[in-house]
Amino acid sequence: MEYGKNKAPVVVAKGQGELAEMILEEARRHGVYIAKDPQLVAMLSELDLEQEIPERLYTAVAVILSWAYWLKGMRPGDEVKDSN
């Protein structure tokens, strides 16, 4: 998922099996934090690439994003400040 300047998080990568493992490995190489949530994965897997996260998943995604921000020592909005 990606958020940044988008009004809602967007699906930027998805895959199953070996492709999923490659995506995870690439994410790890870039310091992306990975949360294991099978229920959220099942819901997100129904979405297409570049599709915004639907409102019904906002709470679940917000929990994951807040965890990722906390681990990086960031606050919401910091990603926008860094890109200017």
PDB file of N, CA and C in Angstrom:
ATOM      1  N   MET A   1       0.837  -1.173   0.000  1.00  0.00           N
ATOM      2  CA  MET A   1       0.000   0.000   0.000  1.00  0.00           C
ATOM      3  C   MET A   1       0.880   1.233   0.000  1.00  0.00           C
ATOM      4  N   GLU A   2       0.347   2.261  -0.535  1.00  0.00           N
ATOM      5  CA  GLU A   2       1.021   3.550  -0.544  1.00  0.00           C
ATOM      6  C   GLU A   2      -0.002   4.585  -0.144  1.00  0.00           C
ATOM      7  N   TYR A   3       0.433   5.606   0.576  1.00  0.00           N
ATOM      8  CA  TYR A   3      -0.502   6.639   1.007  1.00  0.00           C
ATOM      9  C   TYR A   3       0.012   7.980   0.526  1.00  0.00           C
ATOM     10  N   GLY A   4       1.006   8.532   1.209  1.00  0.00           N
ATOM     11  CA  GLY A   4       1.622   9.774   0.764  1.00  0.00           C
ATOM     12  C   GLY A   4       0.630  10.854   0.405  1.00  0.00           C
ATOM     13  N   LYS A   5       0.649  11.310  -0.841  1.00  0.00           N
ATOM     14  CA  LYS A   5      -0.199  12.418  -1.277  1.00  0.00           C
ATOM     15  C   LYS A   5      -1.567  11.964  -1.779  1.00  0.00           C
ATOM     16  N   ASN A   6      -1.831  10.685  -1.762  1.00  0.00           N
ATOM     17  CA  ASN A   6      -3.136  10.180  -2.181  1.00  0.00           C
ATOM     18  C   ASN A   6      -4.170  10.456  -1.097  1.00  0.00           C
ATOM     19  N   LYS A   7      -5.442  10.575  -1.498  1.00  0.00           N
ATOM     20  CA  LYS A   7      -6.482  10.818  -0.491  1.00  0.00           C
ATOM     21  C   LYS A   7      -6.773   9.563   0.323  1.00  0.00           C
ATOM     22  N   ALA A   8      -6.422   8.410  -0.210  1.00  0.00           N
ATOM     23  CA  ALA A   8      -6.574   7.136   0.498  1.00  0.00           C
ATOM     24  C   ALA A   8      -5.416   6.233   0.093  1.00  0.00           C
ATOM     25  N   PRO A   9      -5.047   5.273   0.951  1.00  0.00           N
ATOM     26  CA  PRO A   9      -3.986   4.344   0.568  1.00  0.00           C
ATOM     27  C   PRO A   9      -4.355   3.600  -0.724  1.00  0.00           C
ATOM     28  N   VAL A  10      -3.332   3.257  -1.503  1.00  0.00           N
ATOM     29  CA  VAL A  10      -3.514   2.614  -2.801  1.00  0.00           C
ATOM     30  C   VAL A  10      -2.712   1.312  -2.822  1.00  0.00           C
ATOM     31  N   VAL A  11      -3.258   0.280  -3.442  1.00  0.00           N
ATOM     32  CA  VAL A  11      -2.550  -0.990  -3.612  1.00  0.00           C
ATOM     33  C   VAL A  11      -1.459  -0.786  -4.667  1.00  0.00           C
ATOM     34  N   VAL A  12      -0.205  -1.016  -4.298  1.00  0.00           N
ATOM     35  CA  VAL A  12       0.899  -0.804  -5.240  1.00  0.00           C
ATOM     36  C   VAL A  12       1.609  -2.102  -5.629  1.00  0.00           C
ATOM     37  N   ALA A  13       1.319  -3.198  -4.933  1.00  0.00           N
ATOM     38  CA  ALA A  13       1.919  -4.490  -5.284  1.00  0.00           C
ATOM     39  C   ALA A  13       1.033  -5.588  -4.722  1.00  0.00           C
ATOM     40  N   LYS A  14       0.976  -6.700  -5.449  1.00  0.00           N
ATOM     41  CA  LYS A  14       0.250  -7.860  -4.941  1.00  0.00           C
ATOM     42  C   LYS A  14       0.698  -9.096  -5.694  1.00  0.00           C
ATOM     43  N   GLY A  15       0.578 -10.224  -5.053  1.00  0.00           N
ATOM     44  CA  GLY A  15       0.952 -11.467  -5.697  1.00  0.00           C
ATOM     45  C   GLY A  15       0.699 -12.636  -4.772  1.00  0.00           C
ATOM     46  N   GLN A  16       0.820 -13.836  -5.325  1.00  0.00           N
ATOM     47  CA  GLN A  16       0.651 -15.062  -4.556  1.00  0.00           C
ATOM     48  C   GLN A  16       1.874 -15.942  -4.737  1.00  0.00           C
ATOM     49  N   GLY A  17       2.105 -16.823  -3.795  1.00  0.00           N
ATOM     50  CA  GLY A  17       3.179 -17.798  -3.910  1.00  0.00           C
ATOM     51  C   GLY A  17       4.549 -17.160  -4.048  1.00  0.00           C
ATOM     52  N   GLU A  18       5.282 -17.597  -5.071  1.00  0.00           N
ATOM     53  CA  GLU A  18       6.649 -17.127  -5.280  1.00  0.00           C
ATOM     54  C   GLU A  18       6.709 -15.623  -5.529  1.00  0.00           C
ATOM     55  N   LEU A  19       5.740 -15.094  -6.279  1.00  0.00           N
ATOM     56  CA  LEU A  19       5.712 -13.650  -6.524  1.00  0.00           C
ATOM     57  C   LEU A  19       5.521 -12.886  -5.216  1.00  0.00           C
ATOM     58  N   ALA A  20       4.649 -13.378  -4.352  1.00  0.00           N
ATOM     59  CA  ALA A  20       4.437 -12.736  -3.052  1.00  0.00           C
ATOM     60  C   ALA A  20       5.728 -12.732  -2.240  1.00  0.00           C
ATOM     61  N   GLU A  21       6.445 -13.851  -2.247  1.00  0.00           N
ATOM     62  CA  GLU A  21       7.721 -13.924  -1.519  1.00  0.00           C
ATOM     63  C   GLU A  21       8.732 -12.926  -2.078  1.00  0.00           C
ATOM     64  N   MET A  22       8.760 -12.769  -3.397  1.00  0.00           N
ATOM     65  CA  MET A  22       9.677 -11.804  -4.012  1.00  0.00           C
ATOM     66  C   MET A  22       9.310 -10.367  -3.602  1.00  0.00           C
ATOM     67  N   ILE A  23       8.020 -10.077  -3.558  1.00  0.00           N
ATOM     68  CA  ILE A  23       7.566  -8.743  -3.142  1.00  0.00           C
ATOM     69  C   ILE A  23       7.971  -8.489  -1.692  1.00  0.00           C
ATOM     70  N   LEU A  24       7.764  -9.477  -0.831  1.00  0.00           N
ATOM     71  CA  LEU A  24       8.140  -9.330   0.576  1.00  0.00           C
ATOM     72  C   LEU A  24       9.641  -9.138   0.739  1.00  0.00           C
ATOM     73  N   GLU A  25      10.431  -9.898   0.003  1.00  0.00           N
ATOM     74  CA  GLU A  25      11.888  -9.770   0.087  1.00  0.00           C
ATOM     75  C   GLU A  25      12.335  -8.379  -0.359  1.00  0.00           C
ATOM     76  N   GLU A  26      11.754  -7.890  -1.437  1.00  0.00           N
ATOM     77  CA  GLU A  26      12.090  -6.543  -1.914  1.00  0.00           C
ATOM     78  C   GLU A  26      11.694  -5.493  -0.877  1.00  0.00           C
ATOM     79  N   ALA A  27      10.546  -5.676  -0.267  1.00  0.00           N
ATOM     80  CA  ALA A  27      10.104  -4.754   0.781  1.00  0.00           C
ATOM     81  C   ALA A  27      11.090  -4.754   1.946  1.00  0.00           C
ATOM     82  N   ARG A  28      11.510  -5.930   2.361  1.00  0.00           N
ATOM     83  CA  ARG A  28      12.491  -6.020   3.463  1.00  0.00           C
ATOM     84  C   ARG A  28      13.791  -5.302   3.104  1.00  0.00           C
ATOM     85  N   ARG A  29      14.255  -5.483   1.863  1.00  0.00           N
ATOM     86  CA  ARG A  29      15.499  -4.823   1.423  1.00  0.00           C
ATOM     87  C   ARG A  29      15.400  -3.303   1.519  1.00  0.00           C
ATOM     88  N   HIS A  30      14.178  -2.790   1.351  1.00  0.00           N
ATOM     89  CA  HIS A  30      13.973  -1.338   1.390  1.00  0.00           C
ATOM     90  C   HIS A  30      13.512  -0.853   2.757  1.00  0.00           C
ATOM     91  N   GLY A  31      13.551  -1.728   3.758  1.00  0.00           N
ATOM     92  CA  GLY A  31      13.191  -1.321   5.113  1.00  0.00           C
ATOM     93  C   GLY A  31      11.705  -1.144   5.348  1.00  0.00           C
ATOM     94  N   VAL A  32      10.884  -1.758   4.508  1.00  0.00           N
ATOM     95  CA  VAL A  32       9.431  -1.683   4.681  1.00  0.00           C
ATOM     96  C   VAL A  32       9.036  -2.664   5.779  1.00  0.00           C
ATOM     97  N   TYR A  33       8.257  -2.184   6.738  1.00  0.00           N
ATOM     98  CA  TYR A  33       7.794  -3.041   7.810  1.00  0.00           C
ATOM     99  C   TYR A  33       6.653  -3.912   7.296  1.00  0.00           C
ATOM    100  N   ILE A  34       6.647  -5.167   7.712  1.00  0.00           N
ATOM    101  CA  ILE A  34       5.666  -6.127   7.216  1.00  0.00           C
ATOM    102  C   ILE A  34       4.827  -6.628   8.387  1.00  0.00           C
ATOM    103  N   ALA A  35       3.524  -6.426   8.278  1.00  0.00           N
ATOM    104  CA  ALA A  35       2.592  -6.911   9.295  1.00  0.00           C
ATOM    105  C   ALA A  35       1.947  -8.184   8.773  1.00  0.00           C
ATOM    106  N   LYS A  36       1.758  -9.148   9.642  1.00  0.00           N
ATOM    107  CA  LYS A  36       1.123 -10.401   9.247  1.00  0.00           C
ATOM    108  C   LYS A  36      -0.311 -10.389   9.774  1.00  0.00           C
ATOM    109  N   ASP A  37      -1.241 -10.216   8.866  1.00  0.00           N
ATOM    110  CA  ASP A  37      -2.655 -10.172   9.217  1.00  0.00           C
ATOM    111  C   ASP A  37      -3.436 -10.901   8.117  1.00  0.00           C
ATOM    112  N   PRO A  38      -3.648 -12.203   8.280  1.00  0.00           N
ATOM    113  CA  PRO A  38      -4.301 -12.995   7.234  1.00  0.00           C
ATOM    114  C   PRO A  38      -5.673 -12.466   6.812  1.00  0.00           C
ATOM    115  N   GLN A  39      -6.451 -11.961   7.753  1.00  0.00           N
ATOM    116  CA  GLN A  39      -7.778 -11.439   7.400  1.00  0.00           C
ATOM    117  C   GLN A  39      -7.660 -10.194   6.519  1.00  0.00           C
ATOM    118  N   LEU A  40      -6.740  -9.300   6.876  1.00  0.00           N
ATOM    119  CA  LEU A  40      -6.547  -8.093   6.069  1.00  0.00           C
ATOM    120  C   LEU A  40      -5.986  -8.465   4.699  1.00  0.00           C
ATOM    121  N   VAL A  41      -5.069  -9.411   4.657  1.00  0.00           N
ATOM    122  CA  VAL A  41      -4.521  -9.874   3.371  1.00  0.00           C
ATOM    123  C   VAL A  41      -5.640 -10.401   2.482  1.00  0.00           C
ATOM    124  N   ALA A  42      -6.539 -11.185   3.047  1.00  0.00           N
ATOM    125  CA  ALA A  42      -7.647 -11.739   2.263  1.00  0.00           C
ATOM    126  C   ALA A  42      -8.518 -10.625   1.683  1.00  0.00           C
ATOM    127  N   MET A  43      -8.799  -9.604   2.488  1.00  0.00           N
ATOM    128  CA  MET A  43      -9.629  -8.495   2.002  1.00  0.00           C
ATOM    129  C   MET A  43      -8.898  -7.661   0.953  1.00  0.00           C
ATOM    130  N   LEU A  44      -7.610  -7.400   1.193  1.00  0.00           N
ATOM    131  CA  LEU A  44      -6.841  -6.586   0.253  1.00  0.00           C
ATOM    132  C   LEU A  44      -6.581  -7.331  -1.055  1.00  0.00           C
ATOM    133  N   SER A  45      -6.512  -8.652  -0.986  1.00  0.00           N
ATOM    134  CA  SER A  45      -6.239  -9.428  -2.207  1.00  0.00           C
ATOM    135  C   SER A  45      -7.366  -9.324  -3.223  1.00  0.00           C
ATOM    136  N   GLU A  46      -8.538  -8.905  -2.782  1.00  0.00           N
ATOM    137  CA  GLU A  46      -9.673  -8.724  -3.682  1.00  0.00           C
ATOM    138  C   GLU A  46      -9.551  -7.439  -4.511  1.00  0.00           C
ATOM    139  N   LEU A  47      -8.637  -6.562  -4.131  1.00  0.00           N
ATOM    140  CA  LEU A  47      -8.481  -5.275  -4.812  1.00  0.00           C
ATOM    141  C   LEU A  47      -7.516  -5.386  -5.981  1.00  0.00           C
ATOM    142  N   ASP A  48      -7.656  -4.473  -6.933  1.00  0.00           N
ATOM    143  CA  ASP A  48      -6.759  -4.409  -8.083  1.00  0.00           C
ATOM    144  C   ASP A  48      -5.587  -3.483  -7.783  1.00  0.00           C
ATOM    145  N   LEU A  49      -4.497  -3.647  -8.541  1.00  0.00           N
ATOM    146  CA  LEU A  49      -3.373  -2.726  -8.431  1.00  0.00           C
ATOM    147  C   LEU A  49      -3.838  -1.307  -8.735  1.00  0.00           C
ATOM    148  N   GLU A  50      -3.274  -0.355  -8.034  1.00  0.00           N
ATOM    149  CA  GLU A  50      -3.586   1.073  -8.167  1.00  0.00           C
ATOM    150  C   GLU A  50      -4.986   1.431  -7.676  1.00  0.00           C
ATOM    151  N   GLN A  51      -5.705   0.481  -7.113  1.00  0.00           N
ATOM    152  CA  GLN A  51      -7.034   0.763  -6.570  1.00  0.00           C
ATOM    153  C   GLN A  51      -6.894   1.333  -5.169  1.00  0.00           C
ATOM    154  N   GLU A  52      -7.699   2.368  -4.873  1.00  0.00           N
ATOM    155  CA  GLU A  52      -7.713   2.925  -3.522  1.00  0.00           C
ATOM    156  C   GLU A  52      -8.345   1.920  -2.564  1.00  0.00           C
ATOM    157  N   ILE A  53      -7.877   1.945  -1.334  1.00  0.00           N
ATOM    158  CA  ILE A  53      -8.440   1.086  -0.304  1.00  0.00           C
ATOM    159  C   ILE A  53      -9.870   1.556  -0.036  1.00  0.00           C
ATOM    160  N   PRO A  54     -10.842   0.657  -0.054  1.00  0.00           N
ATOM    161  CA  PRO A  54     -12.228   1.075   0.189  1.00  0.00           C
ATOM    162  C   PRO A  54     -12.440   1.509   1.638  1.00  0.00           C
ATOM    163  N   GLU A  55     -13.418   2.350   1.807  1.00  0.00           N
ATOM    164  CA  GLU A  55     -13.710   2.917   3.126  1.00  0.00           C
ATOM    165  C   GLU A  55     -13.928   1.842   4.189  1.00  0.00           C
ATOM    166  N   ARG A  56     -14.487   0.699   3.809  1.00  0.00           N
ATOM    167  CA  ARG A  56     -14.758  -0.366   4.784  1.00  0.00           C
ATOM    168  C   ARG A  56     -13.476  -0.933   5.398  1.00  0.00           C
ATOM    169  N   LEU A  57     -12.318  -0.688   4.768  1.00  0.00           N
ATOM    170  CA  LEU A  57     -11.041  -1.186   5.290  1.00  0.00           C
ATOM    171  C   LEU A  57     -10.203  -0.092   5.951  1.00  0.00           C
ATOM    172  N   TYR A  58     -10.722   1.128   6.018  1.00  0.00           N
ATOM    173  CA  TYR A  58      -9.946   2.238   6.574  1.00  0.00           C
ATOM    174  C   TYR A  58      -9.420   1.953   7.978  1.00  0.00           C
ATOM    175  N   THR A  59     -10.255   1.427   8.851  1.00  0.00           N
ATOM    176  CA  THR A  59      -9.820   1.200  10.234  1.00  0.00           C
ATOM    177  C   THR A  59      -8.674   0.202  10.294  1.00  0.00           C
ATOM    178  N   ALA A  60      -8.810  -0.915   9.591  1.00  0.00           N
ATOM    179  CA  ALA A  60      -7.746  -1.932   9.599  1.00  0.00           C
ATOM    180  C   ALA A  60      -6.454  -1.372   9.022  1.00  0.00           C
ATOM    181  N   VAL A  61      -6.555  -0.643   7.932  1.00  0.00           N
ATOM    182  CA  VAL A  61      -5.366  -0.070   7.304  1.00  0.00           C
ATOM    183  C   VAL A  61      -4.764   1.017   8.202  1.00  0.00           C
ATOM    184  N   ALA A  62      -5.606   1.794   8.871  1.00  0.00           N
ATOM    185  CA  ALA A  62      -5.109   2.839   9.773  1.00  0.00           C
ATOM    186  C   ALA A  62      -4.278   2.240  10.901  1.00  0.00           C
ATOM    187  N   VAL A  63      -4.706   1.101  11.417  1.00  0.00           N
ATOM    188  CA  VAL A  63      -3.948   0.428  12.479  1.00  0.00           C
ATOM    189  C   VAL A  63      -2.562   0.037  11.963  1.00  0.00           C
ATOM    190  N   ILE A  64      -2.506  -0.543  10.773  1.00  0.00           N
ATOM    191  CA  ILE A  64      -1.225  -0.956  10.180  1.00  0.00           C
ATOM    192  C   ILE A  64      -0.347   0.264   9.907  1.00  0.00           C
ATOM    193  N   LEU A  65      -0.933   1.312   9.333  1.00  0.00           N
ATOM    194  CA  LEU A  65      -0.142   2.515   9.039  1.00  0.00           C
ATOM    195  C   LEU A  65       0.373   3.174  10.321  1.00  0.00           C
ATOM    196  N   SER A  66      -0.458   3.228  11.360  1.00  0.00           N
ATOM    197  CA  SER A  66      -0.003   3.851  12.608  1.00  0.00           C
ATOM    198  C   SER A  66       1.137   3.046  13.221  1.00  0.00           C
ATOM    199  N   TRP A  67       1.074   1.734  13.113  1.00  0.00           N
ATOM    200  CA  TRP A  67       2.152   0.866  13.594  1.00  0.00           C
ATOM    201  C   TRP A  67       3.444   1.140  12.816  1.00  0.00           C
ATOM    202  N   ALA A  68       3.312   1.249  11.488  1.00  0.00           N
ATOM    203  CA  ALA A  68       4.490   1.509  10.651  1.00  0.00           C
ATOM    204  C   ALA A  68       5.091   2.879  10.959  1.00  0.00           C
ATOM    205  N   TYR A  69       4.252   3.894  11.111  1.00  0.00           N
ATOM    206  CA  TYR A  69       4.744   5.225  11.478  1.00  0.00           C
ATOM    207  C   TYR A  69       5.478   5.165  12.813  1.00  0.00           C
ATOM    208  N   TRP A  70       4.871   4.506  13.807  1.00  0.00           N
ATOM    209  CA  TRP A  70       5.469   4.415  15.131  1.00  0.00           C
ATOM    210  C   TRP A  70       6.840   3.740  15.061  1.00  0.00           C
ATOM    211  N   LEU A  71       6.942   2.642  14.302  1.00  0.00           N
ATOM    212  CA  LEU A  71       8.220   1.937  14.191  1.00  0.00           C
ATOM    213  C   LEU A  71       9.299   2.805  13.552  1.00  0.00           C
ATOM    214  N   LYS A  72       8.899   3.686  12.628  1.00  0.00           N
ATOM    215  CA  LYS A  72       9.858   4.566  11.955  1.00  0.00           C
ATOM    216  C   LYS A  72      10.099   5.864  12.711  1.00  0.00           C
ATOM    217  N   GLY A  73       9.393   6.065  13.821  1.00  0.00           N
ATOM    218  CA  GLY A  73       9.524   7.309  14.572  1.00  0.00           C
ATOM    219  C   GLY A  73       8.911   8.490  13.830  1.00  0.00           C
ATOM    220  N   MET A  74       7.917   8.213  13.000  1.00  0.00           N
ATOM    221  CA  MET A  74       7.275   9.257  12.198  1.00  0.00           C
ATOM    222  C   MET A  74       5.880   9.558  12.733  1.00  0.00           C
ATOM    223  N   ARG A  75       5.351  10.677  12.243  1.00  0.00           N
ATOM    224  CA  ARG A  75       3.974  11.049  12.520  1.00  0.00           C
ATOM    225  C   ARG A  75       3.276  11.245  11.185  1.00  0.00           C
ATOM    226  N   PRO A  76       1.959  11.035  11.125  1.00  0.00           N
ATOM    227  CA  PRO A  76       1.245  11.262   9.875  1.00  0.00           C
ATOM    228  C   PRO A  76       1.530  12.664   9.334  1.00  0.00           C
ATOM    229  N   GLY A  77       1.808  12.746   8.053  1.00  0.00           N
ATOM    230  CA  GLY A  77       2.164  14.017   7.414  1.00  0.00           C
ATOM    231  C   GLY A  77       3.654  14.135   7.175  1.00  0.00           C
ATOM    232  N   ASP A  78       4.469  13.386   7.917  1.00  0.00           N
ATOM    233  CA  ASP A  78       5.926  13.452   7.737  1.00  0.00           C
ATOM    234  C   ASP A  78       6.338  13.023   6.324  1.00  0.00           C
ATOM    235  N   GLU A  79       5.627  12.050   5.743  1.00  0.00           N
ATOM    236  CA  GLU A  79       5.989  11.570   4.413  1.00  0.00           C
ATOM    237  C   GLU A  79       5.789  12.652   3.361  1.00  0.00           C
ATOM    238  N   VAL A  80       4.826  13.546   3.573  1.00  0.00           N
ATOM    239  CA  VAL A  80       4.584  14.641   2.654  1.00  0.00           C
ATOM    240  C   VAL A  80       5.686  15.689   2.788  1.00  0.00           C
ATOM    241  N   LYS A  81       6.095  15.970   4.017  1.00  0.00           N
ATOM    242  CA  LYS A  81       7.161  16.944   4.262  1.00  0.00           C
ATOM    243  C   LYS A  81       8.468  16.491   3.646  1.00  0.00           C
ATOM    244  N   ASP A  82       8.751  15.166   3.724  1.00  0.00           N
ATOM    245  CA  ASP A  82      10.012  14.631   3.184  1.00  0.00           C
ATOM    246  C   ASP A  82      10.069  14.694   1.664  1.00  0.00           C
ATOM    247  N   SER A  83       8.910  14.683   0.992  1.00  0.00           N
ATOM    248  CA  SER A  83       8.911  14.648  -0.477  1.00  0.00           C
ATOM    249  C   SER A  83       8.951  16.016  -1.097  1.00  0.00           C
ATOM    250  N   ASN A  84       8.838  17.092  -0.312  1.00  0.00           N
ATOM    251  CA  ASN A  84       8.879  18.454  -0.866  1.00  0.00           C
ATOM    252  C   ASN A  84      10.287  18.957  -1.017  1.00  0.00           C
TER     253      ASN A  84
END
